[in-house]
Amino acid sequence: MPQFAFLEGQPFWVIYCTLLVVILLRAPATYWIGRGLGAGVTRSRMGRRLGPKLDSAKRRIDRYGAPVVTLSFFTVGMQTAINLSAGSVRMRYPRYFAAVFVGGLDWAGLWCVGIAGLV
């Protein structure tokens, strides 16, 4: 596969660490974009109208959303949406990043196995 040509012939740990760095940069970037978008929604007329309901949803996602963020790394197509949503509802960053780190460790391992099968 051409997009992984630079990893060809590299030791497992180099491939794994490279993929882990990629996910640890990409997922939080998506989170921060979502956080900026969420701030705009909160200040909008719709956000003011939803008021307490929106606050309640934010608290629940902040409290219970970490496993969802971690499991998103096992999905195709949902990972970006979940990271964007976590940012838009202002999930606490330390909790979010811990979930991303655990999910990223798994994600990098799955991709390493996949790349090894293709090479």
C-alpha atoms as a PDB file:
ATOM      1  CA  MET A   1       0.000   0.000   0.000  1.00  0.00           C
ATOM      2  CA  PRO A   2       1.539   3.329  -1.050  1.00  0.00           C
ATOM      3  CA  GLN A   3       0.503   5.339   2.038  1.00  0.00           C
ATOM      4  CA  PHE A   4       2.490   2.969   4.263  1.00  0.00           C
ATOM      5  CA  ALA A   5       5.573   2.715   2.023  1.00  0.00           C
ATOM      6  CA  PHE A   6       7.650   4.765   4.478  1.00  0.00           C
ATOM      7  CA  LEU A   7       7.005   2.110   7.148  1.00  0.00           C
ATOM      8  CA  GLU A   8       8.132  -0.793   4.974  1.00  0.00           C
ATOM      9  CA  GLY A   9      11.004  -2.687   6.534  1.00  0.00           C
ATOM     10  CA  GLN A  10      10.792  -0.781   9.826  1.00  0.00           C
ATOM     11  CA  PRO A  11      10.775  -2.626  13.154  1.00  0.00           C
ATOM     12  CA  PHE A  12       7.432  -3.177  14.856  1.00  0.00           C
ATOM     13  CA  TRP A  13       8.094  -0.613  17.592  1.00  0.00           C
ATOM     14  CA  VAL A  14       8.823   2.150  15.029  1.00  0.00           C
ATOM     15  CA  ILE A  15       5.560   1.432  13.205  1.00  0.00           C
ATOM     16  CA  TYR A  16       3.602   1.242  16.463  1.00  0.00           C
ATOM     17  CA  CYS A  17       5.059   4.484  17.873  1.00  0.00           C
ATOM     18  CA  THR A  18       4.531   6.304  14.573  1.00  0.00           C
ATOM     19  CA  LEU A  19       0.872   5.303  14.462  1.00  0.00           C
ATOM     20  CA  LEU A  20       0.412   6.180  18.133  1.00  0.00           C
ATOM     21  CA  VAL A  21       1.844   9.672  17.582  1.00  0.00           C
ATOM     22  CA  VAL A  22      -0.469  10.116  14.584  1.00  0.00           C
ATOM     23  CA  ILE A  23      -3.566   9.322  16.633  1.00  0.00           C
ATOM     24  CA  LEU A  24      -2.398  11.364  19.627  1.00  0.00           C
ATOM     25  CA  LEU A  25      -2.133  14.393  17.355  1.00  0.00           C
ATOM     26  CA  ARG A  26      -5.196  13.835  15.183  1.00  0.00           C
ATOM     27  CA  ALA A  27      -7.837  12.988  17.806  1.00  0.00           C
ATOM     28  CA  PRO A  28      -7.139  15.956  20.119  1.00  0.00           C
ATOM     29  CA  ALA A  29      -7.043  18.288  17.096  1.00  0.00           C
ATOM     30  CA  THR A  30     -10.563  17.108  16.255  1.00  0.00           C
ATOM     31  CA  TYR A  31     -11.571  17.593  19.902  1.00  0.00           C
ATOM     32  CA  TRP A  32     -10.344  21.224  19.895  1.00  0.00           C
ATOM     33  CA  ILE A  33     -12.172  21.958  16.638  1.00  0.00           C
ATOM     34  CA  GLY A  34     -15.326  20.573  18.244  1.00  0.00           C
ATOM     35  CA  ARG A  35     -14.714  22.649  21.336  1.00  0.00           C
ATOM     36  CA  GLY A  36     -14.605  25.810  19.250  1.00  0.00           C
ATOM     37  CA  LEU A  37     -17.783  24.856  17.392  1.00  0.00           C
ATOM     38  CA  GLY A  38     -19.518  23.962  20.649  1.00  0.00           C
ATOM     39  CA  ALA A  39     -18.733  27.373  22.123  1.00  0.00           C
ATOM     40  CA  GLY A  40     -20.541  28.972  19.210  1.00  0.00           C
ATOM     41  CA  VAL A  41     -23.582  26.737  19.628  1.00  0.00           C
ATOM     42  CA  THR A  42     -23.751  27.422  23.360  1.00  0.00           C
ATOM     43  CA  ARG A  43     -23.849  31.168  22.717  1.00  0.00           C
ATOM     44  CA  SER A  44     -26.421  30.864  19.946  1.00  0.00           C
ATOM     45  CA  ARG A  45     -30.153  31.411  20.291  1.00  0.00           C
ATOM     46  CA  MET A  46     -30.714  27.649  20.137  1.00  0.00           C
ATOM     47  CA  GLY A  47     -28.153  27.077  22.898  1.00  0.00           C
ATOM     48  CA  ARG A  48     -29.822  29.627  25.138  1.00  0.00           C
ATOM     49  CA  ARG A  49     -33.216  28.044  24.447  1.00  0.00           C
ATOM     50  CA  LEU A  50     -31.964  24.556  25.349  1.00  0.00           C
ATOM     51  CA  GLY A  51     -30.235  25.916  28.460  1.00  0.00           C
ATOM     52  CA  PRO A  52     -30.671  23.393  31.300  1.00  0.00           C
ATOM     53  CA  LYS A  53     -31.191  20.426  28.960  1.00  0.00           C
ATOM     54  CA  LEU A  54     -27.927  21.172  27.202  1.00  0.00           C
ATOM     55  CA  ASP A  55     -26.122  21.539  30.525  1.00  0.00           C
ATOM     56  CA  SER A  56     -27.503  18.215  31.723  1.00  0.00           C
ATOM     57  CA  ALA A  57     -26.371  16.460  28.540  1.00  0.00           C
ATOM     58  CA  LYS A  58     -22.906  17.998  28.871  1.00  0.00           C
ATOM     59  CA  ARG A  59     -22.571  16.732  32.447  1.00  0.00           C
ATOM     60  CA  ARG A  60     -23.603  13.189  31.466  1.00  0.00           C
ATOM     61  CA  ILE A  61     -21.233  13.066  28.511  1.00  0.00           C
ATOM     62  CA  ASP A  62     -18.389  14.424  30.618  1.00  0.00           C
ATOM     63  CA  ARG A  63     -19.038  11.794  33.261  1.00  0.00           C
ATOM     64  CA  TYR A  64     -19.776   8.725  31.103  1.00  0.00           C
ATOM     65  CA  GLY A  65     -18.291   9.605  27.706  1.00  0.00           C
ATOM     66  CA  ALA A  66     -14.732   8.332  28.217  1.00  0.00           C
ATOM     67  CA  PRO A  67     -15.546   4.668  27.420  1.00  0.00           C
ATOM     68  CA  VAL A  68     -17.341   5.797  24.273  1.00  0.00           C
ATOM     69  CA  VAL A  69     -14.271   7.754  23.171  1.00  0.00           C
ATOM     70  CA  THR A  70     -12.045   4.726  23.810  1.00  0.00           C
ATOM     71  CA  LEU A  71     -14.358   2.349  21.951  1.00  0.00           C
ATOM     72  CA  SER A  72     -14.626   4.750  19.005  1.00  0.00           C
ATOM     73  CA  PHE A  73     -11.168   3.624  17.930  1.00  0.00           C
ATOM     74  CA  PHE A  74     -12.633   0.221  17.075  1.00  0.00           C
ATOM     75  CA  THR A  75     -15.140   1.746  14.654  1.00  0.00           C
ATOM     76  CA  VAL A  76     -14.851   2.927  11.096  1.00  0.00           C
ATOM     77  CA  GLY A  77     -16.287   6.347  10.437  1.00  0.00           C
ATOM     78  CA  MET A  78     -17.451   7.160  13.966  1.00  0.00           C
ATOM     79  CA  GLN A  79     -14.112   8.083  15.508  1.00  0.00           C
ATOM     80  CA  THR A  80     -14.009  11.626  14.140  1.00  0.00           C
ATOM     81  CA  ALA A  81     -17.662  12.310  14.977  1.00  0.00           C
ATOM     82  CA  ILE A  82     -17.218  11.126  18.562  1.00  0.00           C
ATOM     83  CA  ASN A  83     -14.027  13.163  19.091  1.00  0.00           C
ATOM     84  CA  LEU A  84     -15.722  16.234  17.616  1.00  0.00           C
ATOM     85  CA  SER A  85     -18.753  15.689  19.853  1.00  0.00           C
ATOM     86  CA  ALA A  86     -16.604  15.270  22.966  1.00  0.00           C
ATOM     87  CA  GLY A  87     -15.047  18.640  22.228  1.00  0.00           C
ATOM     88  CA  SER A  88     -18.319  20.355  21.393  1.00  0.00           C
ATOM     89  CA  VAL A  89     -19.824  19.436  24.768  1.00  0.00           C
ATOM     90  CA  ARG A  90     -16.592  20.444  26.505  1.00  0.00           C
ATOM     91  CA  MET A  91     -15.722  17.072  27.988  1.00  0.00           C
ATOM     92  CA  ARG A  92     -12.912  17.693  30.478  1.00  0.00           C
ATOM     93  CA  TYR A  93      -9.641  17.390  28.590  1.00  0.00           C
ATOM     94  CA  PRO A  94      -7.714  15.192  31.089  1.00  0.00           C
ATOM     95  CA  ARG A  95     -10.530  12.637  31.077  1.00  0.00           C
ATOM     96  CA  TYR A  96     -10.853  12.870  27.296  1.00  0.00           C
ATOM     97  CA  PHE A  97      -7.109  12.512  26.689  1.00  0.00           C
ATOM     98  CA  ALA A  98      -6.873   9.473  28.977  1.00  0.00           C
ATOM     99  CA  ALA A  99      -9.624   7.812  26.914  1.00  0.00           C
ATOM    100  CA  VAL A 100      -7.864   8.776  23.669  1.00  0.00           C
ATOM    101  CA  PHE A 101      -4.562   7.408  24.943  1.00  0.00           C
ATOM    102  CA  VAL A 102      -6.062   4.010  25.810  1.00  0.00           C
ATOM    103  CA  GLY A 103      -7.980   3.898  22.525  1.00  0.00           C
ATOM    104  CA  GLY A 104      -4.884   5.041  20.628  1.00  0.00           C
ATOM    105  CA  LEU A 105      -2.790   2.230  22.083  1.00  0.00           C
ATOM    106  CA  ASP A 106      -5.367  -0.251  20.816  1.00  0.00           C
ATOM    107  CA  TRP A 107      -5.784   1.508  17.471  1.00  0.00           C
ATOM    108  CA  ALA A 108      -2.043   1.519  16.770  1.00  0.00           C
ATOM    109  CA  GLY A 109      -1.841  -2.178  17.643  1.00  0.00           C
ATOM    110  CA  LEU A 110      -4.688  -3.060  15.299  1.00  0.00           C
ATOM    111  CA  TRP A 111      -3.122  -1.097  12.464  1.00  0.00           C
ATOM    112  CA  CYS A 112       0.265  -2.756  13.069  1.00  0.00           C
ATOM    113  CA  VAL A 113      -1.339  -6.166  12.752  1.00  0.00           C
ATOM    114  CA  GLY A 114      -3.117  -5.001   9.599  1.00  0.00           C
ATOM    115  CA  ILE A 115       0.059  -3.591   8.063  1.00  0.00           C
ATOM    116  CA  ALA A 116       1.987  -6.759   8.928  1.00  0.00           C
ATOM    117  CA  GLY A 117      -0.676  -8.763   7.111  1.00  0.00           C
ATOM    118  CA  LEU A 118      -0.303  -6.615   3.986  1.00  0.00           C
ATOM    119  CA  VAL A 119       3.485  -6.591   3.834  1.00  0.00           C
END
